[in-house]
Amino acid sequence: MTLGLITLILSSFLIFKFNKKFLSKNIIDEINDRSSHKTKATRSGGIAVFSSLFIISCFNYFNSVEIFDYSFLIPISLMLVVGLYDDIYKLDFKLKFIFQIIAAKIIIDNGLIIDNFHGFMGVYELSRIVAQIITIFAVVGIINAINFIDGIDGLAISIAILFFSFFEFFAKYQTSFSSLSFIIIFSLIPLYYFNYKKNNKVFLETQDHFF
């Protein structure tokens, strides 16, 4: 629980600081006819959550404590940078799609791959090429599915927390990502307050929709 408390405090501080920084630079979520919010808001939630994860990971890494495979920070960092750049300068969706594929391939090379359907639809082991293609589709699909979720009123936050919670709950054994999921969940919780504020809201997403 100590890790959870530290994560909550660190995440709350970083969400507040990044929100102030984005507002000072006038990097805000534009309000248009498709917007479901009518007050000033920033999309700084994602970078605050990542920063919490990164700081905690660095602290444990330099103390020779491996709470998860730190190489997964590389594809996460890639998507964060792409999303942050897109928020500020607007990135072409084709280029975002390419970066998503690159991130998915890095995840595969780190050992996370769907290579067995375990009898689903009569399919068991998959060939290396087919497994990589299916995994890329799955990763890119999840990224864009999350992007289509509205960031207001805690919806995106709740879906993300449920995703990581169910991933761990329905696992047959404790996964190697349990600490990663734990940190992300606790770093997301403070966003509920900032998401429901009447003014200067903070949204989770750091990317625009794929289309």
N, C-alpha and C. Protein backbone atom coordinates (compact mmCIF):
# COMPACT_ATOMS: atom_id res chain seq x y z
N MET A 1 0.81 -1.21 0.00
CA MET A 1 0.00 0.00 0.00
C MET A 1 0.84 1.27 0.00
N THR A 2 2.09 1.13 0.43
CA THR A 2 2.98 2.30 0.40
C THR A 2 3.17 2.80 -1.01
N LEU A 3 3.36 1.86 -1.95
CA LEU A 3 3.52 2.23 -3.36
C LEU A 3 2.27 2.93 -3.87
N GLY A 4 1.10 2.44 -3.47
CA GLY A 4 -0.15 3.06 -3.90
C GLY A 4 -0.29 4.48 -3.38
N LEU A 5 0.06 4.71 -2.12
CA LEU A 5 -0.02 6.05 -1.53
C LEU A 5 0.95 7.01 -2.21
N ILE A 6 2.17 6.54 -2.43
CA ILE A 6 3.18 7.37 -3.11
C ILE A 6 2.70 7.73 -4.51
N THR A 7 2.15 6.75 -5.21
CA THR A 7 1.65 6.98 -6.57
C THR A 7 0.52 8.00 -6.58
N LEU A 8 -0.40 7.89 -5.63
CA LEU A 8 -1.51 8.84 -5.54
C LEU A 8 -1.03 10.26 -5.33
N ILE A 9 -0.09 10.43 -4.41
CA ILE A 9 0.43 11.77 -4.09
C ILE A 9 1.20 12.33 -5.27
N LEU A 10 2.08 11.52 -5.84
CA LEU A 10 2.90 11.96 -6.97
C LEU A 10 2.04 12.31 -8.17
N SER A 11 1.07 11.46 -8.47
CA SER A 11 0.19 11.69 -9.61
C SER A 11 -0.63 12.96 -9.43
N SER A 12 -1.18 13.17 -8.23
CA SER A 12 -1.97 14.37 -7.96
C SER A 12 -1.15 15.63 -8.17
N PHE A 13 0.09 15.61 -7.68
CA PHE A 13 0.99 16.77 -7.84
C PHE A 13 1.30 17.03 -9.31
N LEU A 14 1.61 15.97 -10.05
CA LEU A 14 1.99 16.13 -11.46
C LEU A 14 0.79 16.54 -12.31
N ILE A 15 -0.39 16.02 -12.02
CA ILE A 15 -1.59 16.42 -12.76
C ILE A 15 -1.83 17.92 -12.59
N PHE A 16 -1.69 18.39 -11.35
CA PHE A 16 -1.87 19.81 -11.05
C PHE A 16 -0.84 20.66 -11.78
N LYS A 17 0.44 20.25 -11.73
CA LYS A 17 1.53 21.03 -12.33
C LYS A 17 1.42 21.07 -13.85
N PHE A 18 1.13 19.92 -14.47
CA PHE A 18 1.02 19.89 -15.93
C PHE A 18 -0.20 20.66 -16.41
N ASN A 19 -1.27 20.63 -15.63
CA ASN A 19 -2.45 21.40 -15.97
C ASN A 19 -2.13 22.89 -16.00
N LYS A 20 -1.42 23.36 -14.97
CA LYS A 20 -1.01 24.76 -14.90
C LYS A 20 -0.09 25.12 -16.07
N LYS A 21 0.83 24.21 -16.39
CA LYS A 21 1.78 24.47 -17.47
C LYS A 21 1.07 24.56 -18.82
N PHE A 22 0.15 23.64 -19.07
CA PHE A 22 -0.60 23.65 -20.33
C PHE A 22 -1.44 24.91 -20.44
N LEU A 23 -2.06 25.31 -19.33
CA LEU A 23 -2.89 26.52 -19.35
C LEU A 23 -2.05 27.76 -19.61
N SER A 24 -0.86 27.80 -19.02
CA SER A 24 0.02 28.96 -19.22
C SER A 24 0.49 29.07 -20.66
N LYS A 25 0.59 27.93 -21.34
CA LYS A 25 1.01 27.91 -22.75
C LYS A 25 -0.20 27.93 -23.69
N ASN A 26 -1.40 28.02 -23.09
CA ASN A 26 -2.65 28.02 -23.85
C ASN A 26 -2.82 26.76 -24.70
N ILE A 27 -2.34 25.64 -24.18
CA ILE A 27 -2.52 24.36 -24.85
C ILE A 27 -3.76 23.72 -24.24
N ILE A 28 -4.91 24.03 -24.81
CA ILE A 28 -6.18 23.58 -24.24
C ILE A 28 -6.98 22.79 -25.26
N ASP A 29 -7.96 22.06 -24.76
CA ASP A 29 -8.85 21.29 -25.63
C ASP A 29 -9.88 22.25 -26.22
N GLU A 30 -9.83 22.41 -27.54
CA GLU A 30 -10.72 23.36 -28.19
C GLU A 30 -12.17 22.94 -28.03
N ILE A 31 -13.03 23.91 -27.75
CA ILE A 31 -14.46 23.66 -27.61
C ILE A 31 -15.14 23.93 -28.95
N ASN A 32 -15.78 22.89 -29.50
CA ASN A 32 -16.50 23.04 -30.76
C ASN A 32 -17.88 22.38 -30.64
N ASP A 33 -18.57 22.25 -31.77
CA ASP A 33 -19.93 21.71 -31.72
C ASP A 33 -19.96 20.22 -31.37
N ARG A 34 -18.79 19.54 -31.43
CA ARG A 34 -18.74 18.13 -31.07
C ARG A 34 -18.33 17.92 -29.62
N SER A 35 -17.94 19.00 -28.95
CA SER A 35 -17.45 18.88 -27.57
C SER A 35 -18.60 18.64 -26.60
N SER A 36 -18.33 17.80 -25.59
CA SER A 36 -19.33 17.54 -24.56
C SER A 36 -19.06 18.36 -23.30
N HIS A 37 -18.03 19.21 -23.36
CA HIS A 37 -17.72 20.08 -22.23
C HIS A 37 -17.77 21.53 -22.70
N LYS A 38 -18.04 22.43 -21.77
CA LYS A 38 -18.20 23.84 -22.12
C LYS A 38 -17.23 24.73 -21.35
N THR A 39 -16.29 24.12 -20.64
CA THR A 39 -15.33 24.90 -19.87
C THR A 39 -13.92 24.59 -20.33
N LYS A 40 -12.99 25.44 -19.94
CA LYS A 40 -11.60 25.27 -20.35
C LYS A 40 -11.03 23.97 -19.78
N ALA A 41 -10.33 23.22 -20.63
CA ALA A 41 -9.78 21.93 -20.19
C ALA A 41 -8.48 21.65 -20.93
N THR A 42 -7.62 20.88 -20.30
CA THR A 42 -6.36 20.47 -20.94
C THR A 42 -6.32 18.95 -21.07
N ARG A 43 -5.53 18.48 -22.02
CA ARG A 43 -5.36 17.03 -22.20
C ARG A 43 -4.03 16.58 -21.58
N SER A 44 -3.75 17.08 -20.42
CA SER A 44 -2.46 16.82 -19.78
C SER A 44 -2.48 15.61 -18.85
N GLY A 45 -3.63 14.93 -18.76
CA GLY A 45 -3.72 13.79 -17.86
C GLY A 45 -2.78 12.65 -18.22
N GLY A 46 -2.67 12.37 -19.51
CA GLY A 46 -1.83 11.27 -19.96
C GLY A 46 -0.37 11.46 -19.63
N ILE A 47 0.15 12.67 -19.85
CA ILE A 47 1.56 12.92 -19.58
C ILE A 47 1.84 12.90 -18.08
N ALA A 48 0.85 13.31 -17.26
CA ALA A 48 1.02 13.27 -15.81
C ALA A 48 1.07 11.82 -15.32
N VAL A 49 0.20 10.98 -15.85
CA VAL A 49 0.18 9.56 -15.48
C VAL A 49 1.49 8.89 -15.90
N PHE A 50 1.93 9.17 -17.13
CA PHE A 50 3.19 8.58 -17.59
C PHE A 50 4.36 9.06 -16.75
N SER A 51 4.39 10.34 -16.42
CA SER A 51 5.49 10.88 -15.62
C SER A 51 5.55 10.21 -14.25
N SER A 52 4.39 9.93 -13.66
CA SER A 52 4.36 9.22 -12.38
C SER A 52 4.97 7.84 -12.53
N LEU A 53 4.55 7.15 -13.59
CA LEU A 53 5.08 5.81 -13.86
C LEU A 53 6.58 5.86 -14.10
N PHE A 54 7.03 6.85 -14.86
CA PHE A 54 8.45 6.95 -15.22
C PHE A 54 9.31 7.24 -13.99
N ILE A 55 8.86 8.16 -13.15
CA ILE A 55 9.63 8.52 -11.95
C ILE A 55 9.74 7.34 -11.00
N ILE A 56 8.63 6.65 -10.78
CA ILE A 56 8.63 5.48 -9.89
C ILE A 56 9.51 4.38 -10.47
N SER A 57 9.45 4.19 -11.78
CA SER A 57 10.27 3.17 -12.44
C SER A 57 11.76 3.49 -12.32
N CYS A 58 12.11 4.76 -12.54
CA CYS A 58 13.51 5.18 -12.43
C CYS A 58 14.03 4.98 -11.01
N PHE A 59 13.22 5.34 -10.03
CA PHE A 59 13.63 5.17 -8.63
C PHE A 59 13.94 3.70 -8.33
N ASN A 60 13.05 2.82 -8.76
CA ASN A 60 13.26 1.39 -8.51
C ASN A 60 14.41 0.83 -9.34
N TYR A 61 14.54 1.32 -10.57
CA TYR A 61 15.61 0.85 -11.44
C TYR A 61 16.99 1.17 -10.86
N PHE A 62 17.16 2.41 -10.40
CA PHE A 62 18.45 2.82 -9.85
C PHE A 62 18.73 2.22 -8.48
N ASN A 63 17.68 1.62 -7.89
CA ASN A 63 17.87 0.89 -6.64
C ASN A 63 17.89 -0.62 -6.89
N SER A 64 18.05 -0.98 -8.17
CA SER A 64 18.16 -2.38 -8.59
C SER A 64 16.94 -3.21 -8.22
N VAL A 65 15.77 -2.59 -8.29
CA VAL A 65 14.51 -3.29 -8.02
C VAL A 65 13.70 -3.33 -9.32
N GLU A 66 13.46 -4.52 -9.84
CA GLU A 66 12.71 -4.66 -11.09
C GLU A 66 11.27 -5.01 -10.77
N ILE A 67 10.39 -4.01 -10.78
CA ILE A 67 8.99 -4.26 -10.46
C ILE A 67 8.21 -4.69 -11.71
N PHE A 68 8.76 -4.42 -12.89
CA PHE A 68 8.23 -4.93 -14.16
C PHE A 68 9.31 -4.77 -15.20
N ASP A 69 9.05 -5.25 -16.41
CA ASP A 69 10.03 -5.14 -17.49
C ASP A 69 10.07 -3.69 -17.97
N TYR A 70 11.13 -2.98 -17.61
CA TYR A 70 11.20 -1.54 -17.91
C TYR A 70 11.30 -1.24 -19.41
N SER A 71 11.60 -2.25 -20.21
CA SER A 71 11.69 -2.03 -21.66
C SER A 71 10.33 -1.64 -22.24
N PHE A 72 9.24 -1.94 -21.53
CA PHE A 72 7.92 -1.56 -22.01
C PHE A 72 7.69 -0.06 -21.92
N LEU A 73 8.58 0.64 -21.24
CA LEU A 73 8.47 2.10 -21.20
C LEU A 73 8.78 2.72 -22.56
N ILE A 74 9.51 1.98 -23.40
CA ILE A 74 9.89 2.51 -24.72
C ILE A 74 8.66 2.71 -25.61
N PRO A 75 7.82 1.67 -25.86
CA PRO A 75 6.63 1.92 -26.69
C PRO A 75 5.64 2.87 -26.03
N ILE A 76 5.55 2.84 -24.70
CA ILE A 76 4.66 3.78 -24.01
C ILE A 76 5.14 5.21 -24.21
N SER A 77 6.45 5.41 -24.13
CA SER A 77 7.03 6.74 -24.34
C SER A 77 6.80 7.22 -25.77
N LEU A 78 6.95 6.29 -26.71
CA LEU A 78 6.75 6.63 -28.12
C LEU A 78 5.33 7.14 -28.36
N MET A 79 4.34 6.43 -27.83
CA MET A 79 2.96 6.85 -28.03
C MET A 79 2.65 8.15 -27.29
N LEU A 80 3.30 8.36 -26.16
CA LEU A 80 3.10 9.61 -25.43
C LEU A 80 3.63 10.80 -26.23
N VAL A 81 4.84 10.66 -26.77
CA VAL A 81 5.44 11.74 -27.55
C VAL A 81 4.60 12.05 -28.78
N VAL A 82 4.15 11.00 -29.47
CA VAL A 82 3.31 11.19 -30.66
C VAL A 82 2.01 11.89 -30.28
N GLY A 83 1.40 11.44 -29.18
CA GLY A 83 0.15 12.05 -28.75
C GLY A 83 0.31 13.49 -28.33
N LEU A 84 1.39 13.79 -27.62
CA LEU A 84 1.65 15.15 -27.16
C LEU A 84 1.91 16.08 -28.35
N TYR A 85 2.70 15.60 -29.30
CA TYR A 85 2.97 16.38 -30.51
C TYR A 85 1.67 16.64 -31.28
N ASP A 86 0.82 15.60 -31.34
CA ASP A 86 -0.45 15.72 -32.06
C ASP A 86 -1.36 16.74 -31.38
N ASP A 87 -1.37 16.77 -30.05
CA ASP A 87 -2.21 17.73 -29.33
C ASP A 87 -1.82 19.17 -29.63
N ILE A 88 -0.52 19.38 -29.82
CA ILE A 88 -0.02 20.75 -30.01
C ILE A 88 -0.02 21.16 -31.49
N TYR A 89 0.48 20.25 -32.36
CA TYR A 89 0.68 20.62 -33.76
C TYR A 89 -0.24 19.91 -34.75
N LYS A 90 -1.02 18.94 -34.29
CA LYS A 90 -1.94 18.17 -35.13
C LYS A 90 -1.16 17.31 -36.14
N LEU A 91 -1.18 16.03 -35.89
CA LEU A 91 -0.43 15.06 -36.69
C LEU A 91 -1.37 14.35 -37.65
N ASP A 92 -0.89 14.06 -38.85
CA ASP A 92 -1.68 13.33 -39.84
C ASP A 92 -1.99 11.92 -39.31
N PHE A 93 -3.23 11.45 -39.48
CA PHE A 93 -3.62 10.17 -38.90
C PHE A 93 -2.82 9.01 -39.48
N LYS A 94 -2.34 9.14 -40.73
CA LYS A 94 -1.53 8.07 -41.33
C LYS A 94 -0.21 7.91 -40.60
N LEU A 95 0.38 9.04 -40.22
CA LEU A 95 1.65 8.99 -39.50
C LEU A 95 1.43 8.43 -38.10
N LYS A 96 0.31 8.79 -37.47
CA LYS A 96 0.00 8.23 -36.15
C LYS A 96 -0.17 6.71 -36.24
N PHE A 97 -0.81 6.26 -37.31
CA PHE A 97 -1.01 4.84 -37.52
C PHE A 97 0.32 4.11 -37.64
N ILE A 98 1.27 4.71 -38.35
CA ILE A 98 2.60 4.11 -38.51
C ILE A 98 3.30 3.99 -37.17
N PHE A 99 3.23 5.04 -36.37
CA PHE A 99 3.86 5.01 -35.04
C PHE A 99 3.20 3.98 -34.13
N GLN A 100 1.89 3.80 -34.28
CA GLN A 100 1.19 2.80 -33.49
C GLN A 100 1.67 1.39 -33.85
N ILE A 101 1.90 1.16 -35.14
CA ILE A 101 2.42 -0.14 -35.59
C ILE A 101 3.83 -0.36 -35.05
N ILE A 102 4.64 0.69 -35.08
CA ILE A 102 6.01 0.59 -34.55
C ILE A 102 5.98 0.24 -33.06
N ALA A 103 5.11 0.91 -32.32
CA ALA A 103 4.98 0.64 -30.87
C ALA A 103 4.53 -0.80 -30.65
N ALA A 104 3.58 -1.26 -31.46
CA ALA A 104 3.09 -2.64 -31.33
C ALA A 104 4.21 -3.64 -31.62
N LYS A 105 5.05 -3.34 -32.61
CA LYS A 105 6.16 -4.24 -32.96
C LYS A 105 7.19 -4.30 -31.84
N ILE A 106 7.43 -3.17 -31.19
CA ILE A 106 8.36 -3.15 -30.05
C ILE A 106 7.82 -4.01 -28.92
N ILE A 107 6.50 -3.92 -28.69
CA ILE A 107 5.88 -4.74 -27.65
C ILE A 107 6.03 -6.22 -27.98
N ILE A 108 5.84 -6.57 -29.24
CA ILE A 108 6.01 -7.96 -29.67
C ILE A 108 7.44 -8.43 -29.44
N ASP A 109 8.41 -7.60 -29.83
CA ASP A 109 9.82 -7.96 -29.67
C ASP A 109 10.21 -8.09 -28.20
N ASN A 110 9.42 -7.49 -27.32
CA ASN A 110 9.66 -7.62 -25.88
C ASN A 110 9.04 -8.89 -25.30
N GLY A 111 8.38 -9.65 -26.18
CA GLY A 111 7.87 -10.95 -25.76
C GLY A 111 6.38 -11.06 -25.55
N LEU A 112 5.66 -9.95 -25.72
CA LEU A 112 4.21 -9.98 -25.54
C LEU A 112 3.55 -10.18 -26.90
N ILE A 113 3.08 -11.41 -27.15
CA ILE A 113 2.54 -11.75 -28.46
C ILE A 113 1.41 -12.75 -28.33
N ILE A 114 0.41 -12.63 -29.17
CA ILE A 114 -0.71 -13.58 -29.21
C ILE A 114 -0.33 -14.69 -30.18
N ASP A 115 0.17 -15.79 -29.67
CA ASP A 115 0.64 -16.87 -30.54
C ASP A 115 -0.13 -18.17 -30.36
N ASN A 116 -1.23 -18.12 -29.57
CA ASN A 116 -2.02 -19.32 -29.35
C ASN A 116 -3.45 -18.91 -28.99
N PHE A 117 -4.42 -19.49 -29.70
CA PHE A 117 -5.84 -19.22 -29.42
C PHE A 117 -6.42 -20.23 -28.44
N HIS A 118 -5.63 -21.22 -28.06
CA HIS A 118 -6.03 -22.22 -27.06
C HIS A 118 -7.36 -22.89 -27.39
N GLY A 119 -7.55 -23.19 -28.66
CA GLY A 119 -8.74 -23.93 -29.09
C GLY A 119 -9.91 -23.07 -29.50
N PHE A 120 -9.81 -21.75 -29.37
CA PHE A 120 -10.90 -20.87 -29.79
C PHE A 120 -11.08 -20.96 -31.30
N MET A 121 -12.31 -21.28 -31.72
CA MET A 121 -12.64 -21.49 -33.14
C MET A 121 -11.78 -22.60 -33.73
N GLY A 122 -11.37 -23.53 -32.88
CA GLY A 122 -10.60 -24.68 -33.34
C GLY A 122 -9.14 -24.37 -33.65
N VAL A 123 -8.67 -23.19 -33.23
CA VAL A 123 -7.30 -22.76 -33.54
C VAL A 123 -6.45 -22.85 -32.28
N TYR A 124 -5.26 -23.36 -32.43
CA TYR A 124 -4.33 -23.44 -31.31
C TYR A 124 -3.10 -22.59 -31.61
N GLU A 125 -1.97 -23.16 -31.83
CA GLU A 125 -0.75 -22.39 -32.07
C GLU A 125 -0.78 -21.70 -33.43
N LEU A 126 -0.25 -20.49 -33.45
CA LEU A 126 -0.19 -19.70 -34.68
C LEU A 126 1.25 -19.60 -35.16
N SER A 127 1.41 -19.44 -36.46
CA SER A 127 2.75 -19.23 -36.99
C SER A 127 3.27 -17.87 -36.53
N ARG A 128 4.57 -17.69 -36.57
CA ARG A 128 5.18 -16.45 -36.08
C ARG A 128 4.65 -15.22 -36.81
N ILE A 129 4.52 -15.32 -38.13
CA ILE A 129 4.06 -14.17 -38.92
C ILE A 129 2.61 -13.84 -38.60
N VAL A 130 1.75 -14.87 -38.58
CA VAL A 130 0.33 -14.66 -38.28
C VAL A 130 0.16 -14.10 -36.87
N ALA A 131 0.92 -14.62 -35.91
CA ALA A 131 0.85 -14.17 -34.52
C ALA A 131 1.21 -12.69 -34.42
N GLN A 132 2.25 -12.27 -35.15
CA GLN A 132 2.66 -10.87 -35.10
C GLN A 132 1.61 -9.96 -35.71
N ILE A 133 1.02 -10.39 -36.83
CA ILE A 133 -0.01 -9.58 -37.49
C ILE A 133 -1.22 -9.41 -36.58
N ILE A 134 -1.67 -10.51 -35.97
CA ILE A 134 -2.83 -10.47 -35.09
C ILE A 134 -2.54 -9.59 -33.87
N THR A 135 -1.34 -9.71 -33.31
CA THR A 135 -0.98 -8.90 -32.15
C THR A 135 -0.94 -7.42 -32.49
N ILE A 136 -0.39 -7.09 -33.65
CA ILE A 136 -0.35 -5.69 -34.09
C ILE A 136 -1.77 -5.14 -34.22
N PHE A 137 -2.66 -5.92 -34.85
CA PHE A 137 -4.05 -5.49 -34.99
C PHE A 137 -4.69 -5.29 -33.61
N ALA A 138 -4.40 -6.18 -32.67
CA ALA A 138 -4.98 -6.10 -31.33
C ALA A 138 -4.49 -4.84 -30.61
N VAL A 139 -3.17 -4.59 -30.65
CA VAL A 139 -2.59 -3.43 -29.96
C VAL A 139 -3.11 -2.12 -30.56
N VAL A 140 -3.06 -2.03 -31.89
CA VAL A 140 -3.54 -0.81 -32.57
C VAL A 140 -5.03 -0.62 -32.32
N GLY A 141 -5.78 -1.74 -32.31
CA GLY A 141 -7.21 -1.66 -32.06
C GLY A 141 -7.53 -1.15 -30.67
N ILE A 142 -6.79 -1.62 -29.68
CA ILE A 142 -7.00 -1.18 -28.30
C ILE A 142 -6.67 0.31 -28.15
N ILE A 143 -5.55 0.73 -28.76
CA ILE A 143 -5.15 2.13 -28.69
C ILE A 143 -6.24 3.04 -29.24
N ASN A 144 -6.76 2.69 -30.43
CA ASN A 144 -7.76 3.54 -31.05
C ASN A 144 -9.14 3.42 -30.41
N ALA A 145 -9.43 2.26 -29.83
CA ALA A 145 -10.69 2.11 -29.11
C ALA A 145 -10.71 3.03 -27.89
N ILE A 146 -9.57 3.10 -27.20
CA ILE A 146 -9.46 4.00 -26.04
C ILE A 146 -9.56 5.46 -26.48
N ASN A 147 -8.96 5.75 -27.65
CA ASN A 147 -8.99 7.12 -28.16
C ASN A 147 -10.40 7.60 -28.47
N PHE A 148 -11.30 6.66 -28.81
CA PHE A 148 -12.66 7.04 -29.16
C PHE A 148 -13.55 7.24 -27.93
N ILE A 149 -13.04 6.91 -26.75
CA ILE A 149 -13.80 7.08 -25.52
C ILE A 149 -13.74 8.54 -25.09
N ASP A 150 -14.89 9.09 -24.74
CA ASP A 150 -14.96 10.49 -24.31
C ASP A 150 -14.18 10.66 -23.01
N GLY A 151 -13.35 11.69 -22.95
CA GLY A 151 -12.51 11.91 -21.77
C GLY A 151 -13.20 12.61 -20.63
N ILE A 152 -14.44 13.06 -20.82
CA ILE A 152 -15.11 13.83 -19.79
C ILE A 152 -15.88 12.93 -18.82
N ASP A 153 -16.15 13.46 -17.62
CA ASP A 153 -16.96 12.80 -16.60
C ASP A 153 -16.43 11.43 -16.19
N GLY A 154 -15.13 11.27 -16.21
CA GLY A 154 -14.51 10.06 -15.70
C GLY A 154 -14.68 8.82 -16.55
N LEU A 155 -15.24 8.95 -17.76
CA LEU A 155 -15.51 7.78 -18.58
C LEU A 155 -14.22 7.08 -19.02
N ALA A 156 -13.30 7.83 -19.63
CA ALA A 156 -12.05 7.23 -20.09
C ALA A 156 -11.22 6.68 -18.93
N ILE A 157 -11.25 7.40 -17.81
CA ILE A 157 -10.51 6.97 -16.62
C ILE A 157 -11.06 5.64 -16.12
N SER A 158 -12.39 5.54 -16.03
CA SER A 158 -13.03 4.33 -15.53
C SER A 158 -12.76 3.14 -16.43
N ILE A 159 -12.85 3.36 -17.75
CA ILE A 159 -12.60 2.27 -18.70
C ILE A 159 -11.17 1.79 -18.58
N ALA A 160 -10.22 2.72 -18.45
CA ALA A 160 -8.81 2.34 -18.33
C ALA A 160 -8.55 1.55 -17.04
N ILE A 161 -9.14 2.01 -15.93
CA ILE A 161 -8.98 1.31 -14.66
C ILE A 161 -9.59 -0.09 -14.72
N LEU A 162 -10.78 -0.20 -15.31
CA LEU A 162 -11.44 -1.50 -15.45
C LEU A 162 -10.62 -2.43 -16.33
N PHE A 163 -10.03 -1.90 -17.39
CA PHE A 163 -9.23 -2.71 -18.31
C PHE A 163 -8.05 -3.35 -17.57
N PHE A 164 -7.30 -2.52 -16.84
CA PHE A 164 -6.13 -3.05 -16.12
C PHE A 164 -6.55 -3.96 -14.96
N SER A 165 -7.66 -3.64 -14.31
CA SER A 165 -8.14 -4.45 -13.19
C SER A 165 -8.59 -5.83 -13.68
N PHE A 166 -9.36 -5.86 -14.76
CA PHE A 166 -9.84 -7.13 -15.30
C PHE A 166 -8.69 -7.96 -15.88
N PHE A 167 -7.71 -7.27 -16.45
CA PHE A 167 -6.54 -7.97 -17.00
C PHE A 167 -5.85 -8.78 -15.91
N GLU A 168 -5.73 -8.19 -14.74
CA GLU A 168 -5.07 -8.88 -13.63
C GLU A 168 -6.02 -9.88 -12.96
N PHE A 169 -7.30 -9.52 -12.83
CA PHE A 169 -8.25 -10.37 -12.12
C PHE A 169 -8.50 -11.69 -12.84
N PHE A 170 -8.62 -11.62 -14.17
CA PHE A 170 -8.95 -12.82 -14.93
C PHE A 170 -7.71 -13.61 -15.37
N ALA A 171 -6.53 -13.15 -15.02
CA ALA A 171 -5.32 -13.90 -15.33
C ALA A 171 -5.27 -15.17 -14.48
N LYS A 172 -4.87 -16.27 -15.09
CA LYS A 172 -4.82 -17.54 -14.37
C LYS A 172 -3.79 -17.48 -13.25
N TYR A 173 -2.65 -16.83 -13.53
CA TYR A 173 -1.62 -16.64 -12.54
C TYR A 173 -1.30 -15.15 -12.44
N GLN A 174 -0.60 -14.76 -11.40
CA GLN A 174 -0.19 -13.37 -11.27
C GLN A 174 0.73 -13.01 -12.43
N THR A 175 0.40 -11.95 -13.14
CA THR A 175 1.16 -11.58 -14.32
C THR A 175 2.41 -10.78 -13.95
N SER A 176 3.32 -10.69 -14.90
CA SER A 176 4.53 -9.90 -14.70
C SER A 176 4.25 -8.41 -14.81
N PHE A 177 2.99 -8.07 -15.14
CA PHE A 177 2.60 -6.67 -15.30
C PHE A 177 1.79 -6.17 -14.12
N SER A 178 1.69 -6.96 -13.06
CA SER A 178 0.84 -6.58 -11.93
C SER A 178 1.28 -5.25 -11.30
N SER A 179 2.57 -5.05 -11.13
CA SER A 179 3.06 -3.79 -10.56
C SER A 179 2.80 -2.62 -11.51
N LEU A 180 2.98 -2.87 -12.81
CA LEU A 180 2.71 -1.83 -13.81
C LEU A 180 1.24 -1.44 -13.77
N SER A 181 0.36 -2.43 -13.74
CA SER A 181 -1.09 -2.17 -13.67
C SER A 181 -1.44 -1.43 -12.39
N PHE A 182 -0.82 -1.82 -11.27
CA PHE A 182 -1.07 -1.21 -9.98
C PHE A 182 -0.71 0.28 -10.00
N ILE A 183 0.45 0.59 -10.55
CA ILE A 183 0.90 1.99 -10.61
C ILE A 183 -0.01 2.82 -11.50
N ILE A 184 -0.37 2.28 -12.65
CA ILE A 184 -1.23 3.01 -13.58
C ILE A 184 -2.60 3.27 -12.96
N ILE A 185 -3.17 2.26 -12.32
CA ILE A 185 -4.49 2.42 -11.70
C ILE A 185 -4.46 3.52 -10.64
N PHE A 186 -3.46 3.49 -9.76
CA PHE A 186 -3.40 4.49 -8.68
C PHE A 186 -3.03 5.88 -9.19
N SER A 187 -2.32 5.94 -10.32
CA SER A 187 -2.00 7.25 -10.89
C SER A 187 -3.19 7.84 -11.64
N LEU A 188 -4.15 6.98 -12.02
CA LEU A 188 -5.36 7.45 -12.70
C LEU A 188 -6.41 7.98 -11.73
N ILE A 189 -6.45 7.42 -10.54
CA ILE A 189 -7.51 7.76 -9.57
C ILE A 189 -7.63 9.26 -9.31
N PRO A 190 -6.51 10.02 -9.10
CA PRO A 190 -6.65 11.46 -8.85
C PRO A 190 -7.29 12.23 -10.01
N LEU A 191 -7.27 11.64 -11.20
CA LEU A 191 -7.85 12.33 -12.35
C LEU A 191 -9.36 12.50 -12.23
N TYR A 192 -10.00 11.67 -11.40
CA TYR A 192 -11.44 11.83 -11.21
C TYR A 192 -11.76 13.23 -10.70
N TYR A 193 -10.98 13.70 -9.73
CA TYR A 193 -11.21 15.04 -9.18
C TYR A 193 -11.03 16.10 -10.26
N PHE A 194 -9.92 16.00 -10.99
CA PHE A 194 -9.61 17.01 -12.02
C PHE A 194 -10.56 16.91 -13.21
N ASN A 195 -11.11 15.72 -13.45
CA ASN A 195 -12.04 15.52 -14.55
C ASN A 195 -13.41 16.14 -14.25
N TYR A 196 -13.77 16.15 -12.97
CA TYR A 196 -15.09 16.65 -12.57
C TYR A 196 -15.08 18.11 -12.13
N LYS A 197 -13.90 18.76 -12.12
CA LYS A 197 -13.85 20.16 -11.74
C LYS A 197 -14.72 21.01 -12.66
N LYS A 198 -15.26 22.09 -12.12
CA LYS A 198 -16.09 22.97 -12.94
C LYS A 198 -15.24 23.79 -13.90
N ASN A 199 -14.03 24.14 -13.47
CA ASN A 199 -13.13 24.93 -14.32
C ASN A 199 -11.77 24.25 -14.41
N ASN A 200 -11.07 24.52 -15.51
CA ASN A 200 -9.72 23.97 -15.72
C ASN A 200 -9.68 22.45 -15.55
N LYS A 201 -10.56 21.79 -16.27
CA LYS A 201 -10.62 20.34 -16.23
C LYS A 201 -9.36 19.72 -16.81
N VAL A 202 -9.12 18.46 -16.47
CA VAL A 202 -8.00 17.71 -17.03
C VAL A 202 -8.54 16.42 -17.61
N PHE A 203 -8.28 16.20 -18.90
CA PHE A 203 -8.72 14.98 -19.55
C PHE A 203 -7.56 13.99 -19.63
N LEU A 204 -7.89 12.72 -19.73
CA LEU A 204 -6.88 11.67 -19.76
C LEU A 204 -6.15 11.60 -21.08
N GLU A 205 -6.88 11.68 -22.17
CA GLU A 205 -6.28 11.36 -23.46
C GLU A 205 -5.21 12.35 -23.86
N THR A 206 -4.20 11.82 -24.57
CA THR A 206 -3.12 12.65 -25.10
C THR A 206 -3.08 12.57 -26.62
N GLN A 207 -4.04 11.85 -27.21
CA GLN A 207 -4.10 11.73 -28.66
C GLN A 207 -5.48 12.12 -29.14
N ASP A 208 -5.54 12.66 -30.34
CA ASP A 208 -6.83 12.87 -30.97
C ASP A 208 -7.31 11.53 -31.50
N HIS A 209 -8.56 11.48 -31.91
CA HIS A 209 -9.08 10.27 -32.47
C HIS A 209 -8.33 9.90 -33.75
N PHE A 210 -8.34 8.61 -34.03
CA PHE A 210 -7.59 8.11 -35.18
C PHE A 210 -8.10 8.72 -36.48
N PHE A 211 -9.42 8.87 -36.59
CA PHE A 211 -9.98 9.47 -37.80
C PHE A 211 -10.47 10.88 -37.50
